[in-house]
C-alpha atoms as a PDB file:
ATOM      1  CA  MET A   1      10.072 141.039 131.091  1.00  0.00           C
ATOM      2  CA  SER A   2       8.712 144.047 133.022  1.00  0.00           C
ATOM      3  CA  THR A   3       6.531 143.230 136.029  1.00  0.00           C
ATOM      4  CA  ARG A   4       4.475 146.329 135.345  1.00  0.00           C
ATOM      5  CA  TRP A   5       3.779 145.176 131.789  1.00  0.00           C
ATOM      6  CA  LEU A   6       2.786 141.721 132.996  1.00  0.00           C
ATOM      7  CA  SER A   7       0.443 143.217 135.598  1.00  0.00           C
ATOM      8  CA  ARG A   8      -1.398 145.148 132.902  1.00  0.00           C
ATOM      9  CA  VAL A   9      -1.815 142.007 130.812  1.00  0.00           C
ATOM     10  CA  THR A  10      -2.541 139.380 133.473  1.00  0.00           C
ATOM     11  CA  GLY A  11      -4.688 141.562 135.729  1.00  0.00           C
ATOM     12  CA  GLU A  12      -6.214 139.615 138.620  1.00  0.00           C
ATOM     13  CA  PHE A  13      -4.109 136.546 137.848  1.00  0.00           C
ATOM     14  CA  THR A  14      -0.825 138.341 138.523  1.00  0.00           C
ATOM     15  CA  GLY A  15       1.439 136.586 141.009  1.00  0.00           C
ATOM     16  CA  MET A  16      -0.228 133.180 140.787  1.00  0.00           C
ATOM     17  CA  ASN A  17       1.755 130.049 140.018  1.00  0.00           C
ATOM     18  CA  ARG A  18       0.612 127.898 137.121  1.00  0.00           C
ATOM     19  CA  GLU A  19      -1.495 125.517 139.211  1.00  0.00           C
ATOM     20  CA  GLU A  20      -3.314 128.356 140.979  1.00  0.00           C
ATOM     21  CA  CYS A  21      -3.802 130.248 137.741  1.00  0.00           C
ATOM     22  CA  ARG A  22      -5.331 127.280 135.936  1.00  0.00           C
ATOM     23  CA  GLU A  23      -7.987 126.870 138.595  1.00  0.00           C
ATOM     24  CA  ALA A  24      -8.640 130.612 138.704  1.00  0.00           C
ATOM     25  CA  VAL A  25      -8.991 130.869 134.918  1.00  0.00           C
ATOM     26  CA  ILE A  26     -11.495 127.999 134.847  1.00  0.00           C
ATOM     27  CA  LYS A  27     -13.470 129.670 137.639  1.00  0.00           C
ATOM     28  CA  TRP A  28     -13.412 132.998 135.772  1.00  0.00           C
ATOM     29  CA  PHE A  29     -14.738 131.327 132.608  1.00  0.00           C
ATOM     30  CA  GLU A  30     -17.508 129.655 134.605  1.00  0.00           C
ATOM     31  CA  GLU A  31     -18.496 132.942 136.276  1.00  0.00           C
ATOM     32  CA  HIS A  32     -18.778 134.606 132.875  1.00  0.00           C
ATOM     33  CA  ASP A  33     -20.595 131.645 131.335  1.00  0.00           C
ATOM     34  CA  LEU A  34     -17.814 131.128 128.805  1.00  0.00           C
ATOM     35  CA  LEU A  35     -16.758 127.591 129.681  1.00  0.00           C
ATOM     36  CA  ASP A  36     -17.812 124.826 127.333  1.00  0.00           C
ATOM     37  CA  HIS A  37     -16.111 121.859 128.983  1.00  0.00           C
ATOM     38  CA  VAL A  38     -12.854 120.649 130.529  1.00  0.00           C
ATOM     39  CA  GLU A  39     -11.093 117.487 129.432  1.00  0.00           C
ATOM     40  CA  ASP A  40      -7.772 115.843 130.284  1.00  0.00           C
ATOM     41  CA  HIS A  41      -5.036 115.243 127.725  1.00  0.00           C
ATOM     42  CA  ASP A  42      -2.234 112.706 128.044  1.00  0.00           C
ATOM     43  CA  HIS A  43       1.033 114.083 126.746  1.00  0.00           C
ATOM     44  CA  SER A  44       4.748 114.146 127.512  1.00  0.00           C
ATOM     45  CA  VAL A  45       5.820 116.752 130.058  1.00  0.00           C
ATOM     46  CA  MET A  46       9.460 117.230 130.996  1.00  0.00           C
ATOM     47  CA  HIS A  47      10.299 117.159 134.704  1.00  0.00           C
ATOM     48  CA  CYS A  48      13.277 118.450 136.651  1.00  0.00           C
ATOM     49  CA  TYR A  49      15.703 115.645 137.462  1.00  0.00           C
ATOM     50  CA  ARG A  50      16.347 117.197 140.878  1.00  0.00           C
ATOM     51  CA  CYS A  51      12.938 118.119 142.290  1.00  0.00           C
ATOM     52  CA  ASP A  52      10.589 116.437 139.755  1.00  0.00           C
ATOM     53  CA  ALA A  53       8.760 119.715 139.097  1.00  0.00           C
ATOM     54  CA  ALA A  54       7.085 119.992 135.698  1.00  0.00           C
ATOM     55  CA  LEU A  55       9.064 122.081 133.208  1.00  0.00           C
ATOM     56  CA  GLU A  56       7.172 124.485 131.017  1.00  0.00           C
ATOM     57  CA  PRO A  57       8.148 127.167 128.496  1.00  0.00           C
ATOM     58  CA  TRP A  58       8.926 130.513 130.053  1.00  0.00           C
ATOM     59  CA  LEU A  59       8.952 133.676 127.961  1.00  0.00           C
ATOM     60  CA  SER A  60      12.002 135.763 128.842  1.00  0.00           C
ATOM     61  CA  GLU A  61      14.240 138.433 127.324  1.00  0.00           C
ATOM     62  CA  GLN A  62      17.758 137.428 126.308  1.00  0.00           C
ATOM     63  CA  TRP A  63      20.771 139.300 124.920  1.00  0.00           C
ATOM     64  CA  PHE A  64      22.159 138.269 121.539  1.00  0.00           C
ATOM     65  CA  VAL A  65      25.339 139.208 119.661  1.00  0.00           C
ATOM     66  CA  ALA A  66      24.597 140.160 116.052  1.00  0.00           C
ATOM     67  CA  VAL A  67      27.390 138.351 114.192  1.00  0.00           C
ATOM     68  CA  ASP A  68      26.915 139.581 110.622  1.00  0.00           C
ATOM     69  CA  LYS A  69      29.608 142.268 110.968  1.00  0.00           C
ATOM     70  CA  LEU A  70      31.919 139.995 112.959  1.00  0.00           C
ATOM     71  CA  LYS A  71      32.188 136.815 110.935  1.00  0.00           C
ATOM     72  CA  GLY A  72      33.236 138.488 107.669  1.00  0.00           C
ATOM     73  CA  PRO A  73      36.603 139.810 108.921  1.00  0.00           C
ATOM     74  CA  ALA A  74      37.171 136.565 110.844  1.00  0.00           C
ATOM     75  CA  LEU A  75      36.715 134.556 107.644  1.00  0.00           C
ATOM     76  CA  ASP A  76      38.964 136.917 105.695  1.00  0.00           C
ATOM     77  CA  ALA A  77      41.732 136.489 108.268  1.00  0.00           C
ATOM     78  CA  VAL A  78      41.862 132.756 107.558  1.00  0.00           C
ATOM     79  CA  ASN A  79      41.152 132.837 103.826  1.00  0.00           C
ATOM     80  CA  SER A  80      43.939 135.393 103.310  1.00  0.00           C
ATOM     81  CA  GLY A  81      46.444 133.295 105.241  1.00  0.00           C
ATOM     82  CA  LYS A  82      46.883 135.700 108.158  1.00  0.00           C
ATOM     83  CA  VAL A  83      45.682 132.897 110.415  1.00  0.00           C
ATOM     84  CA  THR A  84      46.637 129.320 109.585  1.00  0.00           C
ATOM     85  CA  PHE A  85      45.717 125.957 111.072  1.00  0.00           C
ATOM     86  CA  HIS A  86      47.968 122.962 111.546  1.00  0.00           C
ATOM     87  CA  PRO A  87      47.034 120.363 110.448  1.00  0.00           C
ATOM     88  CA  ALA A  88      45.502 122.316 107.571  1.00  0.00           C
ATOM     89  CA  ARG A  89      42.364 120.159 107.482  1.00  0.00           C
ATOM     90  CA  TRP A  90      41.019 121.990 110.537  1.00  0.00           C
ATOM     91  CA  THR A  91      40.720 125.135 108.425  1.00  0.00           C
ATOM     92  CA  GLN A  92      37.528 123.664 106.991  1.00  0.00           C
ATOM     93  CA  THR A  93      36.102 123.161 110.484  1.00  0.00           C
ATOM     94  CA  TYR A  94      36.669 126.849 111.183  1.00  0.00           C
ATOM     95  CA  THR A  95      35.294 128.178 107.887  1.00  0.00           C
ATOM     96  CA  THR A  96      32.227 125.902 107.844  1.00  0.00           C
ATOM     97  CA  TRP A  97      31.278 126.975 111.351  1.00  0.00           C
ATOM     98  CA  MET A  98      31.884 130.642 110.612  1.00  0.00           C
ATOM     99  CA  GLU A  99      29.913 130.620 107.347  1.00  0.00           C
ATOM    100  CA  ASN A 100      26.886 129.125 109.122  1.00  0.00           C
ATOM    101  CA  LEU A 101      27.116 131.389 112.153  1.00  0.00           C
ATOM    102  CA  LYS A 102      23.826 132.781 113.459  1.00  0.00           C
ATOM    103  CA  ASP A 103      23.152 135.435 116.083  1.00  0.00           C
ATOM    104  CA  TRP A 104      24.600 134.211 119.355  1.00  0.00           C
ATOM    105  CA  CYS A 105      22.569 134.188 122.587  1.00  0.00           C
ATOM    106  CA  ILE A 106      24.936 135.205 125.392  1.00  0.00           C
ATOM    107  CA  SER A 107      22.451 135.317 128.296  1.00  0.00           C
ATOM    108  CA  ARG A 108      22.918 132.498 130.780  1.00  0.00           C
ATOM    109  CA  GLN A 109      20.730 131.770 133.808  1.00  0.00           C
ATOM    110  CA  LEU A 110      23.605 130.661 136.016  1.00  0.00           C
ATOM    111  CA  TRP A 111      25.006 131.659 139.375  1.00  0.00           C
ATOM    112  CA  TRP A 112      28.679 131.961 138.415  1.00  0.00           C
ATOM    113  CA  GLY A 113      29.925 134.142 135.604  1.00  0.00           C
ATOM    114  CA  HIS A 114      30.404 137.743 134.540  1.00  0.00           C
ATOM    115  CA  ARG A 115      27.102 139.451 135.132  1.00  0.00           C
ATOM    116  CA  ILE A 116      25.697 141.231 132.082  1.00  0.00           C
ATOM    117  CA  PRO A 117      26.454 144.955 132.612  1.00  0.00           C
ATOM    118  CA  VAL A 118      23.028 146.226 131.577  1.00  0.00           C
ATOM    119  CA  PHE A 119      20.905 148.273 133.977  1.00  0.00           C
ATOM    120  CA  TYR A 120      17.156 148.924 133.987  1.00  0.00           C
ATOM    121  CA  CYS A 121      14.995 151.610 135.584  1.00  0.00           C
ATOM    122  CA  GLU A 122      11.616 150.375 136.779  1.00  0.00           C
ATOM    123  CA  ASP A 123      10.239 153.927 136.945  1.00  0.00           C
ATOM    124  CA  CYS A 124      10.767 155.236 133.399  1.00  0.00           C
ATOM    125  CA  GLY A 125      11.821 152.154 131.439  1.00  0.00           C
ATOM    126  CA  TRP A 126      15.394 153.348 130.774  1.00  0.00           C
ATOM    127  CA  GLU A 127      17.978 150.664 130.024  1.00  0.00           C
ATOM    128  CA  ASP A 128      21.614 150.839 129.010  1.00  0.00           C
ATOM    129  CA  ALA A 129      24.966 149.080 129.286  1.00  0.00           C
ATOM    130  CA  LEU A 130      27.345 150.750 131.755  1.00  0.00           C
ATOM    131  CA  THR A 131      30.962 150.245 132.753  1.00  0.00           C
ATOM    132  CA  GLU A 132      30.254 151.249 136.359  1.00  0.00           C
ATOM    133  CA  ASP A 133      27.503 150.181 138.762  1.00  0.00           C
ATOM    134  CA  THR A 134      24.709 152.648 139.432  1.00  0.00           C
ATOM    135  CA  ASP A 135      21.647 152.844 141.673  1.00  0.00           C
ATOM    136  CA  VAL A 136      20.316 156.107 140.202  1.00  0.00           C
ATOM    137  CA  CYS A 137      18.608 156.367 136.829  1.00  0.00           C
ATOM    138  CA  PRO A 138      20.422 158.952 134.659  1.00  0.00           C
ATOM    139  CA  LYS A 139      17.188 159.697 132.815  1.00  0.00           C
ATOM    140  CA  CYS A 140      14.593 160.262 135.537  1.00  0.00           C
ATOM    141  CA  GLY A 141      16.704 160.249 138.699  1.00  0.00           C
ATOM    142  CA  GLY A 142      14.757 157.339 140.167  1.00  0.00           C
ATOM    143  CA  HIS A 143      16.323 154.824 142.514  1.00  0.00           C
ATOM    144  CA  HIS A 144      14.466 151.732 141.335  1.00  0.00           C
ATOM    145  CA  VAL A 145      17.398 150.599 139.194  1.00  0.00           C
ATOM    146  CA  HIS A 146      18.579 147.011 138.924  1.00  0.00           C
ATOM    147  CA  GLN A 147      21.199 145.146 136.934  1.00  0.00           C
ATOM    148  CA  ASP A 148      20.423 142.308 134.558  1.00  0.00           C
ATOM    149  CA  GLU A 149      20.399 139.081 136.554  1.00  0.00           C
ATOM    150  CA  ASN A 150      21.828 136.894 133.782  1.00  0.00           C
ATOM    151  CA  VAL A 151      25.522 136.224 133.295  1.00  0.00           C
ATOM    152  CA  LEU A 152      27.533 136.120 130.087  1.00  0.00           C
ATOM    153  CA  ASP A 153      28.026 132.905 128.207  1.00  0.00           C
ATOM    154  CA  THR A 154      31.329 131.293 129.221  1.00  0.00           C
ATOM    155  CA  TRP A 155      32.694 131.553 125.695  1.00  0.00           C
ATOM    156  CA  PHE A 156      31.790 135.217 125.436  1.00  0.00           C
ATOM    157  CA  SER A 157      33.913 135.924 128.496  1.00  0.00           C
ATOM    158  CA  SER A 158      36.666 133.593 127.264  1.00  0.00           C
ATOM    159  CA  GLN A 159      36.957 135.299 123.884  1.00  0.00           C
ATOM    160  CA  LEU A 160      38.014 138.514 125.649  1.00  0.00           C
ATOM    161  CA  TRP A 161      40.810 136.796 127.563  1.00  0.00           C
ATOM    162  CA  THR A 162      43.452 137.436 124.918  1.00  0.00           C
ATOM    163  CA  PHE A 163      43.458 141.199 125.539  1.00  0.00           C
ATOM    164  CA  ALA A 164      41.208 141.874 128.558  1.00  0.00           C
ATOM    165  CA  THR A 165      43.792 140.271 130.870  1.00  0.00           C
ATOM    166  CA  GLN A 166      46.629 142.462 129.589  1.00  0.00           C
ATOM    167  CA  GLY A 167      45.608 146.023 130.314  1.00  0.00           C
ATOM    168  CA  TRP A 168      42.937 146.580 127.698  1.00  0.00           C
ATOM    169  CA  PRO A 169      41.317 149.071 127.378  1.00  0.00           C
ATOM    170  CA  GLN A 170      42.873 151.253 130.096  1.00  0.00           C
ATOM    171  CA  LYS A 171      46.530 150.449 129.328  1.00  0.00           C
ATOM    172  CA  PRO A 172      46.763 149.140 125.754  1.00  0.00           C
ATOM    173  CA  GLU A 173      50.532 149.616 125.758  1.00  0.00           C
ATOM    174  CA  LEU A 174      50.789 146.514 127.948  1.00  0.00           C
ATOM    175  CA  LEU A 175      49.646 144.477 124.964  1.00  0.00           C
ATOM    176  CA  GLU A 176      52.677 145.385 122.880  1.00  0.00           C
ATOM    177  CA  GLY A 177      54.788 142.309 122.318  1.00  0.00           C
ATOM    178  CA  HIS A 178      52.006 139.996 123.517  1.00  0.00           C
ATOM    179  CA  HIS A 179      49.182 140.679 121.100  1.00  0.00           C
ATOM    180  CA  PRO A 180      49.022 139.227 118.586  1.00  0.00           C
ATOM    181  CA  THR A 181      50.869 136.076 119.533  1.00  0.00           C
ATOM    182  CA  THR A 182      52.472 133.756 117.010  1.00  0.00           C
ATOM    183  CA  ALA A 183      51.004 130.374 117.953  1.00  0.00           C
ATOM    184  CA  LEU A 184      48.163 128.828 119.887  1.00  0.00           C
ATOM    185  CA  VAL A 185      48.158 125.126 120.713  1.00  0.00           C
ATOM    186  CA  THR A 186      44.655 123.996 121.529  1.00  0.00           C
ATOM    187  CA  ALA A 187      42.231 121.105 121.247  1.00  0.00           C
ATOM    188  CA  ARG A 188      40.260 120.670 118.048  1.00  0.00           C
ATOM    189  CA  ASP A 189      36.917 120.614 119.885  1.00  0.00           C
ATOM    190  CA  ILE A 190      37.195 124.313 120.743  1.00  0.00           C
ATOM    191  CA  ILE A 191      38.215 125.639 117.337  1.00  0.00           C
ATOM    192  CA  ALA A 192      34.668 126.980 116.979  1.00  0.00           C
ATOM    193  CA  LEU A 193      33.859 127.479 120.638  1.00  0.00           C
ATOM    194  CA  TRP A 194      36.944 129.508 121.517  1.00  0.00           C
ATOM    195  CA  VAL A 195      39.461 130.055 118.728  1.00  0.00           C
ATOM    196  CA  ALA A 196      36.938 131.435 116.244  1.00  0.00           C
ATOM    197  CA  ARG A 197      35.442 133.743 118.837  1.00  0.00           C
ATOM    198  CA  MET A 198      38.850 135.041 119.899  1.00  0.00           C
ATOM    199  CA  VAL A 199      39.538 135.904 116.281  1.00  0.00           C
ATOM    200  CA  MET A 200      36.209 137.743 115.976  1.00  0.00           C
ATOM    201  CA  SER A 201      36.575 139.711 119.207  1.00  0.00           C
ATOM    202  CA  SER A 202      40.227 140.604 118.580  1.00  0.00           C
ATOM    203  CA  LEU A 203      39.461 141.979 115.143  1.00  0.00           C
ATOM    204  CA  TYR A 204      36.465 143.913 116.445  1.00  0.00           C
ATOM    205  CA  PHE A 205      37.981 145.466 119.581  1.00  0.00           C
ATOM    206  CA  TRP A 206      41.640 145.559 118.639  1.00  0.00           C
ATOM    207  CA  THR A 207      41.636 145.527 114.801  1.00  0.00           C
ATOM    208  CA  ARG A 208      44.444 142.959 114.974  1.00  0.00           C
ATOM    209  CA  CYS A 209      43.914 139.237 115.038  1.00  0.00           C
ATOM    210  CA  ARG A 210      44.736 137.410 118.231  1.00  0.00           C
ATOM    211  CA  LEU A 211      47.024 134.805 116.623  1.00  0.00           C
ATOM    212  CA  ARG A 212      48.862 133.826 113.471  1.00  0.00           C
ATOM    213  CA  THR A 213      48.950 130.054 113.829  1.00  0.00           C
ATOM    214  CA  SER A 214      46.606 127.632 115.578  1.00  0.00           C
ATOM    215  CA  SER A 215      47.831 124.101 116.139  1.00  0.00           C
ATOM    216  CA  SER A 216      45.276 121.415 116.943  1.00  0.00           C
ATOM    217  CA  THR A 217      46.281 118.617 119.283  1.00  0.00           C
ATOM    218  CA  ARG A 218      45.103 115.014 119.030  1.00  0.00           C
ATOM    219  CA  ARG A 219      43.013 113.375 121.723  1.00  0.00           C
ATOM    220  CA  SER A 220      42.998 109.729 122.696  1.00  0.00           C
ATOM    221  CA  TRP A 221      39.859 107.813 121.818  1.00  0.00           C
ATOM    222  CA  PRO A 222      38.860 104.243 122.706  1.00  0.00           C
ATOM    223  CA  ARG A 223      39.186 101.577 120.047  1.00  0.00           C
ATOM    224  CA  THR A 224      35.687 100.225 119.592  1.00  0.00           C
ATOM    225  CA  ALA A 225      35.327  98.074 116.520  1.00  0.00           C
ATOM    226  CA  ALA A 226      31.546  98.300 116.590  1.00  0.00           C
ATOM    227  CA  ALA A 227      31.561 102.082 116.768  1.00  0.00           C
ATOM    228  CA  CYS A 228      31.851 102.535 113.019  1.00  0.00           C
ATOM    229  CA  PRO A 229      31.428 100.328 109.948  1.00  0.00           C
ATOM    230  CA  SER A 230      34.726 101.591 108.545  1.00  0.00           C
ATOM    231  CA  PRO A 231      38.101 100.511 110.006  1.00  0.00           C
ATOM    232  CA  ARG A 232      39.356 104.043 109.280  1.00  0.00           C
ATOM    233  CA  ALA A 233      36.837 105.696 111.589  1.00  0.00           C
ATOM    234  CA  THR A 234      37.732 108.552 113.894  1.00  0.00           C
ATOM    235  CA  ALA A 235      36.180 110.576 116.650  1.00  0.00           C
ATOM    236  CA  SER A 236      34.231 113.487 115.309  1.00  0.00           C
ATOM    237  CA  THR A 237      33.799 116.754 117.128  1.00  0.00           C
ATOM    238  CA  PRO A 238      33.479 115.935 120.853  1.00  0.00           C
ATOM    239  CA  TRP A 239      30.432 118.185 121.263  1.00  0.00           C
ATOM    240  CA  THR A 240      28.420 115.961 118.893  1.00  0.00           C
ATOM    241  CA  SER A 241      26.617 113.424 121.055  1.00  0.00           C
ATOM    242  CA  SER A 242      26.250 110.947 118.196  1.00  0.00           C
ATOM    243  CA  ALA A 243      29.850 111.272 117.036  1.00  0.00           C
ATOM    244  CA  CYS A 244      31.788 108.198 116.057  1.00  0.00           C
ATOM    245  CA  THR A 245      34.268 107.032 118.707  1.00  0.00           C
ATOM    246  CA  ALA A 246      36.594 104.901 116.608  1.00  0.00           C
ATOM    247  CA  PRO A 247      40.318 105.855 116.437  1.00  0.00           C
ATOM    248  CA  THR A 248      40.838 107.174 112.867  1.00  0.00           C
ATOM    249  CA  ARG A 249      38.789 109.405 110.603  1.00  0.00           C
ATOM    250  CA  CYS A 250      35.649 107.944 109.016  1.00  0.00           C
ATOM    251  CA  ALA A 251      35.215 107.573 105.312  1.00  0.00           C
ATOM    252  CA  SER A 252      32.065 109.022 103.775  1.00  0.00           C
ATOM    253  CA  THR A 253      30.349 105.673 104.352  1.00  0.00           C
ATOM    254  CA  CYS A 254      30.111 106.347 108.092  1.00  0.00           C
ATOM    255  CA  SER A 255      26.968 108.272 108.961  1.00  0.00           C
ATOM    256  CA  ARG A 256      28.238 108.922 112.482  1.00  0.00           C
ATOM    257  CA  SER A 257      31.327 110.841 111.401  1.00  0.00           C
ATOM    258  CA  SER A 258      29.666 114.107 110.419  1.00  0.00           C
ATOM    259  CA  PRO A 259      30.090 116.798 113.064  1.00  0.00           C
ATOM    260  CA  THR A 260      27.166 118.937 114.093  1.00  0.00           C
ATOM    261  CA  THR A 261      27.660 122.523 112.964  1.00  0.00           C
ATOM    262  CA  ARG A 262      26.742 124.804 115.827  1.00  0.00           C
ATOM    263  CA  MET A 263      24.654 127.782 114.925  1.00  0.00           C
ATOM    264  CA  LEU A 264      25.778 130.788 116.735  1.00  0.00           C
ATOM    265  CA  SER A 265      26.535 144.719 117.892  1.00  0.00           C
ATOM    266  CA  LEU A 266      24.402 143.343 120.742  1.00  0.00           C
ATOM    267  CA  THR A 267      20.647 143.089 120.157  1.00  0.00           C
ATOM    268  CA  ARG A 268      17.812 142.113 122.419  1.00  0.00           C
ATOM    269  CA  THR A 269      14.970 139.745 121.700  1.00  0.00           C
ATOM    270  CA  SER A 270      12.637 137.341 123.418  1.00  0.00           C
ATOM    271  CA  THR A 271      13.037 133.609 123.553  1.00  0.00           C
ATOM    272  CA  ARG A 272      11.614 130.776 125.586  1.00  0.00           C
ATOM    273  CA  ARG A 273      13.397 128.672 128.150  1.00  0.00           C
ATOM    274  CA  PRO A 274      12.142 126.004 130.570  1.00  0.00           C
ATOM    275  CA  SER A 275      11.334 126.973 134.119  1.00  0.00           C
ATOM    276  CA  SER A 276      11.124 125.018 137.327  1.00  0.00           C
ATOM    277  CA  SER A 277      11.190 125.651 141.026  1.00  0.00           C
ATOM    278  CA  SER A 278      14.745 124.292 141.126  1.00  0.00           C
ATOM    279  CA  THR A 279      16.025 127.325 139.203  1.00  0.00           C
ATOM    280  CA  ALA A 280      15.055 129.858 141.855  1.00  0.00           C
ATOM    281  CA  ARG A 281      17.777 132.450 142.366  1.00  0.00           C
ATOM    282  CA  ALA A 282      19.105 134.193 145.429  1.00  0.00           C
ATOM    283  CA  PRO A 283      18.630 137.975 145.619  1.00  0.00           C
ATOM    284  CA  SER A 284      22.345 138.777 145.480  1.00  0.00           C
ATOM    285  CA  ARG A 285      24.660 137.940 142.582  1.00  0.00           C
ATOM    286  CA  PRO A 286      28.417 137.921 141.917  1.00  0.00           C
ATOM    287  CA  SER A 287      29.936 141.133 140.606  1.00  0.00           C
ATOM    288  CA  ARG A 288      29.930 141.679 136.873  1.00  0.00           C
ATOM    289  CA  LEU A 289      32.896 141.876 134.524  1.00  0.00           C
END
C-alpha cells in the first residue's frame, strides 16, 4: 500500500506503531471532547512463537492468478484422455481440485524465492511487470522506482520448471523431444500442488500439455489401529492435518478419510495477513526470476 496514500489518511498518526497510536488517538479524542469512556476487553490475541509479539491483521496488497481461463483446458486435457493417471482413482483427486479452484494468491512474504517482477514508481504511481530490472520510470522518468518485495509462491515457480529450465522462451527449439514428456512418477500429495499446475501453465504458455501419463507412488504409513474405526482405513491427502493415518483406504464410515480440497491472467487485490516485529525484512532481496 502506498506510503503517500497512508499519509493522507492517517495524518498526524503516520509512522506510529500500534501502541503509540492507541495512546495518541485517545489523547486526540480527549482534546476534542469526543471521548466517552475507555474500558478493557479480555479476548484471545495471537502471539509470535519466536518473540511473543502480538499479531494483528495487516492490510496489504497481494498478487493473484485468475484461474478461470486456466482450469478449463486443464480439465479438458484429463477428461479427453490426453493426460491419464495411474492408478486411475487419482483422476478424481485432480478433477475435484480443479473444479473447485479459486483465484490463487501467489504473493509470499519470504526471504528466499523468485521475486515478483513488478515495479512501482513512487512519483507518478506507475506500475508494471518487466522482464528486466529498471531504476527509471518509463512514464515520468523519475528515479523513485522499486520492485515488489514479495516473492512468488513456491508452486508458482515450480509449475514453470517443465519448460523454463529448457530454453523457454528464448530458445524454444531446445524443448523439442523433451516437452511434452511421456510419463511423470510423483507422489499423490502433490497431484494438486504441482502436477495440476504444471498442466495449467504448460497449456497456457506452450499450448501443449506437459505430460501424457502421471503415475502416483505409494507412501508408507504407520499402522495405528485406533486411527480409524474401519480396518480398511488409509492415509488421506498428507496436507490434511486431520487425515486418517491407518494403512488402507477408509470406507465411507470413516469421517477422517475425506481430504481437504484446497481452494486455489494476474490480478491485484487487497487481503489481510498477520504482522509482527519478527517479520521485519532486510533492505536488500535476492534477485527475481
